[in-house]
């Protein structure tokens, strides 16, 4: 979980829908690929509204991981069996260190 928390205070600089998953590109050469089903809350209910927002915290619950942003906005990645679309829920890639964290 410590590696996941290392994305705290980083800003999203690009958002891409790639085939069947969501990709968040962060500052510091970090990429988050979200493969599982997810929900989100922001002002306009549009995933692109997270662009240039800073991650405040990351919380792990039994059935989800929540990426929190200012103004009570969030992206919640489900960890329920029914919401897996492949072997991983999501991955964090640190391109500067060549490190991959898979959940």
Protein backbone atom coordinates (compact mmCIF):
# COMPACT_ATOMS: atom_id res chain seq x y z
CA UNK A 1 0.00 0.00 0.00
CA UNK A 2 2.96 2.35 0.60
CA UNK A 3 3.74 2.41 -3.13
CA UNK A 4 0.14 3.38 -3.88
CA UNK A 5 0.33 6.24 -1.39
CA UNK A 6 3.39 7.59 -3.25
CA UNK A 7 1.03 9.12 -5.83
CA UNK A 8 -0.23 11.56 -3.19
CA UNK A 9 0.23 15.24 -4.14
CA UNK A 10 0.82 14.41 -7.81
CA UNK A 11 -1.26 16.13 -10.47
CA UNK A 12 -3.03 14.36 -13.35
CA UNK A 13 -1.61 15.77 -16.58
CA UNK A 14 -3.46 13.57 -19.09
CA UNK A 15 -6.41 11.17 -19.17
CA UNK A 16 -6.91 8.55 -21.88
CA UNK A 17 -9.56 5.93 -22.54
CA UNK A 18 -7.58 3.11 -24.15
CA UNK A 19 -9.69 0.25 -25.51
CA UNK A 20 -11.12 -1.26 -22.33
CA UNK A 21 -9.26 0.60 -19.60
CA UNK A 22 -8.64 4.10 -18.26
CA UNK A 23 -5.15 5.61 -18.16
CA UNK A 24 -4.21 8.48 -15.86
CA UNK A 25 -0.87 10.11 -16.58
CA UNK A 26 0.58 11.90 -13.56
CA UNK A 27 3.48 14.22 -12.97
CA UNK A 28 6.86 12.60 -12.25
CA UNK A 29 6.51 9.99 -15.04
CA UNK A 30 3.81 7.99 -13.21
CA UNK A 31 1.03 6.19 -15.10
CA UNK A 32 -2.03 4.57 -13.56
CA UNK A 33 -3.90 2.03 -15.70
CA UNK A 34 -7.34 1.19 -14.29
CA UNK A 35 -8.66 -2.14 -15.59
CA UNK A 36 -11.48 -2.83 -13.11
CA UNK A 37 -14.84 -1.13 -13.06
CA UNK A 38 -14.68 2.24 -11.36
CA UNK A 39 -16.95 5.08 -10.31
CA UNK A 40 -16.16 8.72 -9.80
CA UNK A 41 -17.59 11.94 -8.45
CA UNK A 42 -16.70 15.43 -9.65
CA UNK A 43 -18.44 18.66 -10.61
CA UNK A 44 -19.70 17.66 -14.06
CA UNK A 45 -19.66 13.86 -13.76
CA UNK A 46 -17.05 13.79 -16.51
CA UNK A 47 -13.81 11.84 -16.04
CA UNK A 48 -11.91 14.54 -17.94
CA UNK A 49 -12.66 17.00 -15.13
CA UNK A 50 -9.88 15.34 -13.10
CA UNK A 51 -7.33 16.77 -15.53
CA UNK A 52 -4.78 18.97 -13.71
CA UNK A 53 -6.19 18.07 -10.29
CA UNK A 54 -3.88 17.03 -7.46
CA UNK A 55 -4.33 13.72 -5.64
CA UNK A 56 -4.93 14.43 -1.95
CA UNK A 57 -4.87 10.86 -0.64
CA UNK A 58 -5.39 7.20 -1.49
CA UNK A 59 -7.48 4.99 0.77
CA UNK A 60 -7.83 1.21 0.63
CA UNK A 61 -11.08 -0.34 1.75
CA UNK A 62 -11.97 -4.04 1.72
CA UNK A 63 -13.80 -3.75 -1.60
CA UNK A 64 -12.18 -0.71 -3.26
CA UNK A 65 -9.33 1.76 -3.56
CA UNK A 66 -10.31 5.43 -3.48
CA UNK A 67 -8.21 8.18 -5.03
CA UNK A 68 -9.28 11.44 -3.37
CA UNK A 69 -9.10 14.93 -4.86
CA UNK A 70 -10.03 18.41 -3.57
CA UNK A 71 -13.68 19.32 -3.05
CA UNK A 72 -14.68 15.77 -2.06
CA UNK A 73 -14.11 14.47 -5.61
CA UNK A 74 -12.81 10.94 -6.07
CA UNK A 75 -12.21 7.96 -8.32
CA UNK A 76 -13.15 4.65 -6.69
CA UNK A 77 -11.72 1.46 -8.18
CA UNK A 78 -13.75 -1.63 -7.30
CA UNK A 79 -11.97 -4.72 -5.96
CA UNK A 80 -15.09 -6.90 -6.03
CA UNK A 81 -14.77 -10.17 -7.96
CA UNK A 82 -17.59 -9.16 -10.31
CA UNK A 83 -15.77 -5.95 -11.31
CA UNK A 84 -12.52 -7.52 -12.51
CA UNK A 85 -12.11 -7.27 -16.28
CA UNK A 86 -8.77 -9.10 -16.29
CA UNK A 87 -6.17 -10.45 -13.86
CA UNK A 88 -5.33 -7.03 -12.34
CA UNK A 89 -7.51 -4.30 -10.86
CA UNK A 90 -5.03 -1.58 -11.82
CA UNK A 91 -1.34 -0.91 -12.11
CA UNK A 92 0.94 1.99 -11.29
CA UNK A 93 3.94 2.41 -13.53
CA UNK A 94 6.85 4.58 -12.42
CA UNK A 95 8.66 5.21 -15.70
CA UNK A 96 11.52 7.08 -14.02
CA UNK A 97 12.42 4.10 -11.79
CA UNK A 98 11.20 1.34 -14.10
CA UNK A 99 8.91 0.05 -11.35
CA UNK A 100 5.43 -1.47 -11.77
CA UNK A 101 2.96 -1.95 -8.90
CA UNK A 102 0.11 -4.31 -9.71
CA UNK A 103 -3.04 -4.63 -7.61
